[in-house]
Amino acid sequence: MPITSPERIWWKPAGKEEKIWITIAFIWCILITLIMPYWHFAGKQNPSQEYYRVSPVKFASIVEQFTQKYKVGEESGIAVVEPPAGDIFLAGSQFVWHPILKLKAGKTYRLHLSSTDVEHGFSIYPLNMNFMALPDMDYVLTLTPEKPGEYSILCNEFCGGGHHAMTGKIIVF
């Protein structure tokens, strides 16, 4: 069977139904394009734009001082802290998030998030929150926990052989 050229006009002109769907898709694209800039500024889902440069060694020291000051116990060898509303600190390092944060519902906290070694992904389950914890960066998230319970912190960025077990916890009471 030889390879042959297609007919001179190999495509068929769009029919009435296809033209309707193309028009709907085009209008939808224009609408979404116009809504995106509006929602970026008006929506309340945008993360904080507050971040600072910090060395991993200095951040680890800050987290250690924070942990010693507000430690109320231990769970599986990881310190549990119960700080007052305000600045709180959480460090990701292979393969643990520390310390475990015990936060009061209805209070506003400024979570300083960083990594002491490699890039980590910070995800609070079951909430839809995903951020990056990078070495050399102190990323500040303002949060007000509303619903009491235990929330798992997962690393969603591959960080090495123990990545699958890298978890942490936030307890809201």
N, C-alpha and C. Protein backbone atom coordinates (compact mmCIF):
# COMPACT_ATOMS: atom_id res chain seq x y z
N MET A 1 0.84 -1.16 0.00
CA MET A 1 0.00 0.00 0.00
C MET A 1 0.90 1.24 0.00
N PRO A 2 0.83 2.02 -1.04
CA PRO A 2 1.69 3.19 -1.15
C PRO A 2 1.18 4.34 -0.27
N ILE A 3 2.12 5.20 0.11
CA ILE A 3 1.74 6.40 0.85
C ILE A 3 1.26 7.42 -0.18
N THR A 4 0.07 7.95 0.09
CA THR A 4 -0.48 8.92 -0.86
C THR A 4 -0.72 10.24 -0.17
N SER A 5 -0.77 11.27 -0.92
CA SER A 5 -1.05 12.60 -0.39
C SER A 5 -2.53 12.68 -0.04
N PRO A 6 -2.86 13.50 0.96
CA PRO A 6 -4.28 13.66 1.28
C PRO A 6 -5.00 14.41 0.16
N GLU A 7 -6.29 14.31 0.20
CA GLU A 7 -7.09 15.05 -0.80
C GLU A 7 -6.74 16.51 -0.71
N ARG A 8 -7.03 17.25 -1.75
CA ARG A 8 -6.69 18.67 -1.78
C ARG A 8 -7.31 19.41 -0.59
N ILE A 9 -8.55 19.21 -0.31
CA ILE A 9 -9.19 19.77 0.88
C ILE A 9 -9.52 18.59 1.79
N TRP A 10 -8.59 18.27 2.69
CA TRP A 10 -8.72 17.09 3.53
C TRP A 10 -9.56 17.34 4.77
N TRP A 11 -9.78 18.58 5.14
CA TRP A 11 -10.61 18.90 6.29
C TRP A 11 -11.98 19.32 5.82
N LYS A 12 -12.93 19.14 6.68
CA LYS A 12 -14.30 19.52 6.35
C LYS A 12 -14.62 20.80 7.12
N PRO A 13 -15.31 21.74 6.53
CA PRO A 13 -15.69 22.97 7.25
C PRO A 13 -16.52 22.62 8.48
N ALA A 14 -16.37 23.45 9.54
CA ALA A 14 -17.09 23.21 10.79
C ALA A 14 -18.59 23.32 10.56
N GLY A 15 -19.31 22.38 11.16
CA GLY A 15 -20.76 22.40 11.08
C GLY A 15 -21.33 23.33 12.14
N LYS A 16 -22.65 23.44 12.19
CA LYS A 16 -23.34 24.35 13.12
C LYS A 16 -23.02 24.01 14.58
N GLU A 17 -23.12 22.73 14.97
CA GLU A 17 -22.87 22.33 16.36
C GLU A 17 -21.42 22.57 16.76
N GLU A 18 -20.48 22.29 15.86
CA GLU A 18 -19.07 22.51 16.17
C GLU A 18 -18.78 24.01 16.34
N LYS A 19 -19.41 24.84 15.54
CA LYS A 19 -19.24 26.29 15.66
C LYS A 19 -19.77 26.80 17.01
N ILE A 20 -20.88 26.22 17.48
CA ILE A 20 -21.43 26.60 18.78
C ILE A 20 -20.42 26.27 19.89
N TRP A 21 -19.86 25.05 19.86
CA TRP A 21 -18.89 24.65 20.89
C TRP A 21 -17.61 25.48 20.82
N ILE A 22 -17.14 25.80 19.66
CA ILE A 22 -15.96 26.65 19.52
C ILE A 22 -16.24 28.04 20.10
N THR A 23 -17.44 28.58 19.85
CA THR A 23 -17.81 29.89 20.38
C THR A 23 -17.89 29.85 21.91
N ILE A 24 -18.49 28.81 22.46
CA ILE A 24 -18.58 28.67 23.92
C ILE A 24 -17.18 28.59 24.53
N ALA A 25 -16.29 27.79 23.94
CA ALA A 25 -14.93 27.65 24.45
C ALA A 25 -14.18 28.98 24.38
N PHE A 26 -14.34 29.71 23.30
CA PHE A 26 -13.67 31.00 23.13
C PHE A 26 -14.17 32.01 24.18
N ILE A 27 -15.48 32.09 24.37
CA ILE A 27 -16.04 33.00 25.38
C ILE A 27 -15.55 32.61 26.78
N TRP A 28 -15.51 31.31 27.08
CA TRP A 28 -15.03 30.85 28.37
C TRP A 28 -13.57 31.25 28.59
N CYS A 29 -12.74 31.10 27.58
CA CYS A 29 -11.32 31.49 27.69
C CYS A 29 -11.18 32.98 27.97
N ILE A 30 -11.94 33.79 27.28
CA ILE A 30 -11.88 35.25 27.49
C ILE A 30 -12.35 35.57 28.92
N LEU A 31 -13.42 34.95 29.36
CA LEU A 31 -13.97 35.19 30.69
C LEU A 31 -12.95 34.82 31.78
N ILE A 32 -12.36 33.65 31.68
CA ILE A 32 -11.38 33.21 32.68
C ILE A 32 -10.15 34.12 32.66
N THR A 33 -9.71 34.55 31.49
CA THR A 33 -8.58 35.46 31.38
C THR A 33 -8.86 36.78 32.09
N LEU A 34 -10.08 37.27 32.01
CA LEU A 34 -10.44 38.52 32.67
C LEU A 34 -10.62 38.34 34.18
N ILE A 35 -11.09 37.17 34.62
CA ILE A 35 -11.34 36.92 36.03
C ILE A 35 -10.04 36.68 36.80
N MET A 36 -9.03 36.06 36.19
CA MET A 36 -7.81 35.71 36.91
C MET A 36 -7.12 36.91 37.58
N PRO A 37 -6.88 38.02 36.89
CA PRO A 37 -6.24 39.16 37.59
C PRO A 37 -7.12 39.71 38.72
N TYR A 38 -8.41 39.78 38.49
CA TYR A 38 -9.33 40.25 39.53
C TYR A 38 -9.22 39.34 40.76
N TRP A 39 -9.31 38.03 40.57
CA TRP A 39 -9.31 37.09 41.68
C TRP A 39 -7.97 37.07 42.40
N HIS A 40 -6.90 37.33 41.68
CA HIS A 40 -5.58 37.38 42.31
C HIS A 40 -5.53 38.46 43.39
N PHE A 41 -6.10 39.62 43.09
CA PHE A 41 -6.05 40.73 44.04
C PHE A 41 -7.22 40.72 45.02
N ALA A 42 -8.40 40.30 44.58
CA ALA A 42 -9.59 40.32 45.44
C ALA A 42 -9.76 39.05 46.26
N GLY A 43 -9.22 37.93 45.78
CA GLY A 43 -9.38 36.66 46.48
C GLY A 43 -8.58 36.62 47.76
N LYS A 44 -9.08 35.89 48.75
CA LYS A 44 -8.41 35.80 50.04
C LYS A 44 -7.58 34.52 50.16
N GLN A 45 -7.37 33.81 49.05
CA GLN A 45 -6.63 32.56 49.09
C GLN A 45 -5.15 32.73 48.80
N ASN A 46 -4.70 33.94 48.52
CA ASN A 46 -3.30 34.15 48.17
C ASN A 46 -2.40 34.05 49.40
N PRO A 47 -1.26 33.38 49.26
CA PRO A 47 -0.34 33.29 50.39
C PRO A 47 0.35 34.62 50.65
N SER A 48 0.93 34.71 51.81
CA SER A 48 1.68 35.90 52.21
C SER A 48 2.84 36.14 51.26
N GLN A 49 3.19 37.38 51.10
CA GLN A 49 4.35 37.73 50.30
C GLN A 49 5.49 38.18 51.21
N GLU A 50 5.47 37.72 52.44
CA GLU A 50 6.50 38.10 53.40
C GLU A 50 7.51 36.97 53.52
N TYR A 51 8.76 37.28 53.25
CA TYR A 51 9.83 36.29 53.36
C TYR A 51 11.15 37.02 53.57
N TYR A 52 12.10 36.29 54.15
CA TYR A 52 13.39 36.87 54.49
C TYR A 52 14.49 35.87 54.16
N ARG A 53 15.67 36.38 53.91
CA ARG A 53 16.85 35.52 53.76
C ARG A 53 17.35 35.17 55.15
N VAL A 54 17.67 33.91 55.35
CA VAL A 54 18.22 33.46 56.63
C VAL A 54 19.06 32.21 56.37
N SER A 55 20.18 32.12 57.02
CA SER A 55 21.02 30.92 56.82
C SER A 55 20.35 29.74 57.53
N PRO A 56 20.51 28.53 56.99
CA PRO A 56 19.93 27.36 57.65
C PRO A 56 20.42 27.18 59.08
N VAL A 57 21.68 27.51 59.35
CA VAL A 57 22.22 27.37 60.70
C VAL A 57 21.54 28.36 61.65
N LYS A 58 21.36 29.60 61.21
CA LYS A 58 20.70 30.60 62.05
C LYS A 58 19.24 30.22 62.29
N PHE A 59 18.53 29.75 61.23
CA PHE A 59 17.13 29.36 61.41
C PHE A 59 17.01 28.19 62.38
N ALA A 60 17.91 27.21 62.27
CA ALA A 60 17.90 26.06 63.19
C ALA A 60 18.09 26.54 64.63
N SER A 61 18.95 27.53 64.82
CA SER A 61 19.19 28.09 66.15
C SER A 61 17.93 28.79 66.68
N ILE A 62 17.26 29.55 65.82
CA ILE A 62 16.03 30.24 66.21
C ILE A 62 14.95 29.23 66.60
N VAL A 63 14.83 28.16 65.81
CA VAL A 63 13.83 27.12 66.11
C VAL A 63 14.16 26.44 67.43
N GLU A 64 15.43 26.19 67.67
CA GLU A 64 15.84 25.54 68.93
C GLU A 64 15.51 26.43 70.13
N GLN A 65 15.79 27.72 70.04
CA GLN A 65 15.47 28.65 71.14
C GLN A 65 13.96 28.72 71.36
N PHE A 66 13.20 28.79 70.26
CA PHE A 66 11.73 28.81 70.32
C PHE A 66 11.22 27.54 71.00
N THR A 67 11.78 26.41 70.60
CA THR A 67 11.37 25.12 71.16
C THR A 67 11.64 25.06 72.66
N GLN A 68 12.82 25.47 73.08
CA GLN A 68 13.17 25.43 74.51
C GLN A 68 12.27 26.35 75.33
N LYS A 69 11.91 27.49 74.77
CA LYS A 69 11.10 28.47 75.50
C LYS A 69 9.66 28.00 75.73
N TYR A 70 9.08 27.30 74.73
CA TYR A 70 7.64 26.96 74.80
C TYR A 70 7.36 25.46 74.88
N LYS A 71 8.37 24.66 75.16
CA LYS A 71 8.19 23.21 75.20
C LYS A 71 7.27 22.80 76.34
N VAL A 72 6.28 21.96 76.01
CA VAL A 72 5.34 21.45 77.02
C VAL A 72 5.36 19.92 77.10
N GLY A 73 6.13 19.29 76.25
CA GLY A 73 6.19 17.83 76.26
C GLY A 73 6.94 17.31 75.05
N GLU A 74 6.81 16.00 74.87
CA GLU A 74 7.46 15.33 73.75
C GLU A 74 6.54 14.26 73.21
N GLU A 75 6.64 14.02 71.91
CA GLU A 75 5.87 12.97 71.28
C GLU A 75 6.76 12.28 70.27
N SER A 76 7.02 11.01 70.47
CA SER A 76 7.90 10.22 69.60
C SER A 76 9.26 10.88 69.42
N GLY A 77 9.78 11.47 70.48
CA GLY A 77 11.09 12.09 70.44
C GLY A 77 11.13 13.50 69.85
N ILE A 78 9.98 14.04 69.49
CA ILE A 78 9.90 15.39 68.92
C ILE A 78 9.22 16.29 69.94
N ALA A 79 9.82 17.46 70.16
CA ALA A 79 9.29 18.40 71.15
C ALA A 79 7.92 18.92 70.73
N VAL A 80 7.03 19.07 71.71
CA VAL A 80 5.72 19.68 71.51
C VAL A 80 5.79 21.06 72.16
N VAL A 81 5.43 22.10 71.39
CA VAL A 81 5.46 23.46 71.93
C VAL A 81 4.06 24.05 71.92
N GLU A 82 3.79 24.89 72.92
CA GLU A 82 2.51 25.59 73.01
C GLU A 82 2.79 27.09 73.18
N PRO A 83 3.04 27.77 72.05
CA PRO A 83 3.39 29.19 72.12
C PRO A 83 2.15 30.08 72.18
N PRO A 84 2.32 31.32 72.64
CA PRO A 84 1.21 32.28 72.58
C PRO A 84 1.03 32.75 71.15
N ALA A 85 -0.07 33.44 70.88
CA ALA A 85 -0.30 33.99 69.54
C ALA A 85 0.87 34.90 69.19
N GLY A 86 1.24 34.93 67.93
CA GLY A 86 2.37 35.73 67.48
C GLY A 86 3.27 34.90 66.59
N ASP A 87 4.56 35.16 66.66
CA ASP A 87 5.53 34.45 65.80
C ASP A 87 5.78 33.04 66.31
N ILE A 88 5.66 32.07 65.40
CA ILE A 88 5.98 30.67 65.70
C ILE A 88 6.91 30.18 64.60
N PHE A 89 7.67 29.12 64.88
CA PHE A 89 8.69 28.66 63.95
C PHE A 89 8.56 27.16 63.72
N LEU A 90 8.76 26.76 62.45
CA LEU A 90 8.71 25.35 62.07
C LEU A 90 9.82 25.10 61.06
N ALA A 91 10.62 24.08 61.33
CA ALA A 91 11.73 23.74 60.44
C ALA A 91 11.54 22.36 59.83
N GLY A 92 11.85 22.25 58.57
CA GLY A 92 11.87 20.97 57.90
C GLY A 92 13.32 20.54 57.74
N SER A 93 13.60 19.30 58.11
CA SER A 93 14.94 18.75 57.90
C SER A 93 14.77 17.26 57.66
N GLN A 94 15.70 16.70 56.94
CA GLN A 94 15.55 15.30 56.56
C GLN A 94 15.46 14.44 57.81
N PHE A 95 14.46 13.80 58.12
CA PHE A 95 13.16 13.61 57.48
C PHE A 95 12.08 13.84 58.51
N VAL A 96 12.02 15.07 59.03
CA VAL A 96 11.07 15.41 60.08
C VAL A 96 10.74 16.90 60.04
N TRP A 97 9.53 17.22 60.47
CA TRP A 97 9.14 18.61 60.72
C TRP A 97 9.21 18.80 62.23
N HIS A 98 9.85 19.85 62.68
CA HIS A 98 9.94 20.06 64.12
C HIS A 98 9.87 21.54 64.45
N PRO A 99 9.30 21.88 65.58
CA PRO A 99 8.65 21.05 66.59
C PRO A 99 7.19 20.77 66.22
N ILE A 100 6.50 20.00 67.06
CA ILE A 100 5.06 19.82 66.93
C ILE A 100 4.42 21.07 67.54
N LEU A 101 3.54 21.71 66.78
CA LEU A 101 2.92 22.95 67.23
C LEU A 101 1.56 22.69 67.86
N LYS A 102 1.35 23.22 69.04
CA LYS A 102 0.06 23.12 69.72
C LYS A 102 -0.51 24.54 69.77
N LEU A 103 -1.52 24.80 68.95
CA LEU A 103 -2.03 26.16 68.76
C LEU A 103 -3.47 26.28 69.26
N LYS A 104 -3.80 27.48 69.70
CA LYS A 104 -5.14 27.75 70.24
C LYS A 104 -6.06 28.21 69.10
N ALA A 105 -7.23 27.61 68.99
CA ALA A 105 -8.20 27.98 67.96
C ALA A 105 -8.61 29.44 68.14
N GLY A 106 -8.74 30.15 67.03
CA GLY A 106 -9.19 31.54 67.06
C GLY A 106 -8.07 32.56 67.24
N LYS A 107 -6.87 32.11 67.56
CA LYS A 107 -5.73 33.02 67.72
C LYS A 107 -4.96 33.11 66.41
N THR A 108 -4.34 34.25 66.15
CA THR A 108 -3.59 34.46 64.91
C THR A 108 -2.10 34.28 65.17
N TYR A 109 -1.48 33.49 64.30
CA TYR A 109 -0.06 33.18 64.40
C TYR A 109 0.64 33.56 63.09
N ARG A 110 1.91 33.91 63.21
CA ARG A 110 2.77 34.15 62.04
C ARG A 110 3.76 33.00 62.01
N LEU A 111 3.50 32.04 61.13
CA LEU A 111 4.33 30.83 61.02
C LEU A 111 5.55 31.13 60.15
N HIS A 112 6.74 31.05 60.76
CA HIS A 112 8.00 31.18 60.03
C HIS A 112 8.39 29.77 59.60
N LEU A 113 8.50 29.55 58.30
CA LEU A 113 8.74 28.23 57.73
C LEU A 113 10.03 28.24 56.94
N SER A 114 10.90 27.27 57.21
CA SER A 114 12.14 27.15 56.44
C SER A 114 12.64 25.72 56.51
N SER A 115 13.70 25.47 55.76
CA SER A 115 14.35 24.18 55.75
C SER A 115 15.79 24.36 56.23
N THR A 116 16.29 23.37 56.93
CA THR A 116 17.67 23.45 57.40
C THR A 116 18.64 22.67 56.52
N ASP A 117 18.12 22.02 55.47
CA ASP A 117 19.02 21.25 54.62
C ASP A 117 18.68 21.34 53.13
N VAL A 118 17.62 20.70 52.70
CA VAL A 118 17.26 20.68 51.27
C VAL A 118 15.84 21.22 51.10
N GLU A 119 15.40 21.31 49.88
CA GLU A 119 14.04 21.80 49.59
C GLU A 119 13.01 20.78 50.06
N HIS A 120 11.99 21.29 50.77
CA HIS A 120 10.89 20.44 51.23
C HIS A 120 9.57 21.07 50.80
N GLY A 121 8.56 20.24 50.62
CA GLY A 121 7.21 20.73 50.35
C GLY A 121 6.42 20.67 51.65
N PHE A 122 5.69 21.73 51.95
CA PHE A 122 4.92 21.82 53.20
C PHE A 122 3.45 21.74 52.85
N SER A 123 2.78 20.69 53.29
CA SER A 123 1.38 20.49 52.99
C SER A 123 0.66 20.10 54.29
N ILE A 124 -0.42 20.81 54.60
CA ILE A 124 -1.20 20.49 55.80
C ILE A 124 -2.41 19.68 55.36
N TYR A 125 -2.49 18.45 55.88
CA TYR A 125 -3.59 17.55 55.54
C TYR A 125 -4.59 17.56 56.68
N PRO A 126 -5.86 17.66 56.44
CA PRO A 126 -6.60 17.55 55.21
C PRO A 126 -6.89 18.89 54.53
N LEU A 127 -6.26 19.98 54.96
CA LEU A 127 -6.49 21.27 54.32
C LEU A 127 -5.77 21.31 52.97
N ASN A 128 -6.18 22.21 52.13
CA ASN A 128 -5.53 22.36 50.83
C ASN A 128 -4.52 23.50 50.92
N MET A 129 -3.43 23.25 51.64
CA MET A 129 -2.36 24.23 51.79
C MET A 129 -1.06 23.60 51.33
N ASN A 130 -0.40 24.23 50.40
CA ASN A 130 0.87 23.72 49.88
C ASN A 130 1.84 24.88 49.72
N PHE A 131 2.99 24.76 50.37
CA PHE A 131 4.03 25.78 50.29
C PHE A 131 5.38 25.10 50.19
N MET A 132 6.39 25.87 49.87
CA MET A 132 7.74 25.35 49.78
C MET A 132 8.54 25.82 50.99
N ALA A 133 9.32 24.92 51.56
CA ALA A 133 10.25 25.26 52.63
C ALA A 133 11.64 25.15 52.02
N LEU A 134 12.27 26.29 51.86
CA LEU A 134 13.57 26.33 51.17
C LEU A 134 14.68 26.71 52.14
N PRO A 135 15.86 26.11 51.99
CA PRO A 135 16.98 26.57 52.78
C PRO A 135 17.30 28.01 52.37
N ASP A 136 17.77 28.80 53.28
CA ASP A 136 18.11 30.20 53.04
C ASP A 136 16.90 31.13 52.97
N MET A 137 15.68 30.62 53.12
CA MET A 137 14.49 31.48 53.05
C MET A 137 13.60 31.23 54.27
N ASP A 138 13.19 32.31 54.92
CA ASP A 138 12.22 32.26 56.02
C ASP A 138 10.92 32.78 55.43
N TYR A 139 10.00 31.87 55.16
CA TYR A 139 8.72 32.21 54.53
C TYR A 139 7.69 32.36 55.64
N VAL A 140 7.02 33.51 55.72
CA VAL A 140 6.08 33.80 56.81
C VAL A 140 4.64 33.64 56.32
N LEU A 141 3.90 32.78 56.99
CA LEU A 141 2.49 32.55 56.68
C LEU A 141 1.66 33.00 57.88
N THR A 142 0.66 33.82 57.63
CA THR A 142 -0.24 34.22 58.71
C THR A 142 -1.41 33.25 58.72
N LEU A 143 -1.66 32.63 59.87
CA LEU A 143 -2.77 31.68 59.93
C LEU A 143 -3.51 31.83 61.25
N THR A 144 -4.81 31.57 61.16
CA THR A 144 -5.69 31.58 62.33
C THR A 144 -6.45 30.26 62.33
N PRO A 145 -5.97 29.27 63.11
CA PRO A 145 -6.68 27.99 63.13
C PRO A 145 -8.07 28.18 63.73
N GLU A 146 -9.05 27.57 63.08
CA GLU A 146 -10.44 27.75 63.53
C GLU A 146 -11.06 26.47 64.09
N LYS A 147 -10.69 25.34 63.54
CA LYS A 147 -11.33 24.09 63.92
C LYS A 147 -10.36 23.22 64.73
N PRO A 148 -10.70 22.90 65.99
CA PRO A 148 -9.82 22.04 66.79
C PRO A 148 -9.63 20.67 66.15
N GLY A 149 -8.46 20.10 66.37
CA GLY A 149 -8.15 18.78 65.83
C GLY A 149 -6.66 18.62 65.62
N GLU A 150 -6.28 17.47 65.09
CA GLU A 150 -4.88 17.20 64.76
C GLU A 150 -4.73 17.25 63.25
N TYR A 151 -3.76 18.01 62.79
CA TYR A 151 -3.51 18.18 61.37
C TYR A 151 -2.10 17.67 61.06
N SER A 152 -2.00 16.83 60.06
CA SER A 152 -0.71 16.27 59.66
C SER A 152 0.01 17.21 58.71
N ILE A 153 1.30 17.31 58.88
CA ILE A 153 2.14 18.05 57.95
C ILE A 153 2.90 17.01 57.14
N LEU A 154 2.80 17.12 55.83
CA LEU A 154 3.47 16.18 54.94
C LEU A 154 4.48 16.92 54.07
N CYS A 155 5.53 16.23 53.71
CA CYS A 155 6.48 16.78 52.75
C CYS A 155 6.03 16.31 51.37
N ASN A 156 5.73 17.25 50.48
CA ASN A 156 5.27 16.87 49.15
C ASN A 156 6.30 17.18 48.07
N GLU A 157 7.55 17.32 48.47
CA GLU A 157 8.65 17.53 47.52
C GLU A 157 9.71 16.49 47.85
N PHE A 158 10.07 15.66 46.88
CA PHE A 158 11.02 14.58 47.16
C PHE A 158 12.32 15.16 47.73
N CYS A 159 12.70 14.67 48.92
CA CYS A 159 13.85 15.23 49.63
C CYS A 159 14.88 14.18 50.02
N GLY A 160 14.72 12.98 49.53
CA GLY A 160 15.70 11.94 49.82
C GLY A 160 15.03 10.62 50.16
N GLY A 161 15.83 9.67 50.60
CA GLY A 161 15.38 8.30 50.85
C GLY A 161 14.30 8.16 51.90
N GLY A 162 14.25 9.03 52.88
CA GLY A 162 13.24 8.93 53.94
C GLY A 162 12.06 9.85 53.72
N HIS A 163 11.94 10.40 52.50
CA HIS A 163 10.87 11.35 52.18
C HIS A 163 9.48 10.81 52.52
N HIS A 164 9.25 9.55 52.23
CA HIS A 164 7.92 8.96 52.44
C HIS A 164 7.48 8.99 53.90
N ALA A 165 8.43 9.11 54.83
CA ALA A 165 8.09 9.10 56.25
C ALA A 165 8.17 10.49 56.88
N MET A 166 8.40 11.52 56.08
CA MET A 166 8.57 12.87 56.63
C MET A 166 7.22 13.49 56.94
N THR A 167 6.86 13.44 58.21
CA THR A 167 5.60 14.01 58.65
C THR A 167 5.83 14.88 59.89
N GLY A 168 4.86 15.68 60.18
CA GLY A 168 4.86 16.51 61.38
C GLY A 168 3.42 16.67 61.83
N LYS A 169 3.20 17.58 62.79
CA LYS A 169 1.84 17.68 63.31
C LYS A 169 1.58 19.08 63.84
N ILE A 170 0.35 19.54 63.64
CA ILE A 170 -0.16 20.74 64.28
C ILE A 170 -1.40 20.31 65.06
N ILE A 171 -1.41 20.63 66.35
CA ILE A 171 -2.56 20.31 67.21
C ILE A 171 -3.28 21.62 67.50
N VAL A 172 -4.55 21.67 67.19
CA VAL A 172 -5.36 22.86 67.46
C VAL A 172 -6.34 22.49 68.56
N PHE A 173 -6.36 23.30 69.63
CA PHE A 173 -7.28 23.03 70.75
C PHE A 173 -8.12 24.24 71.07
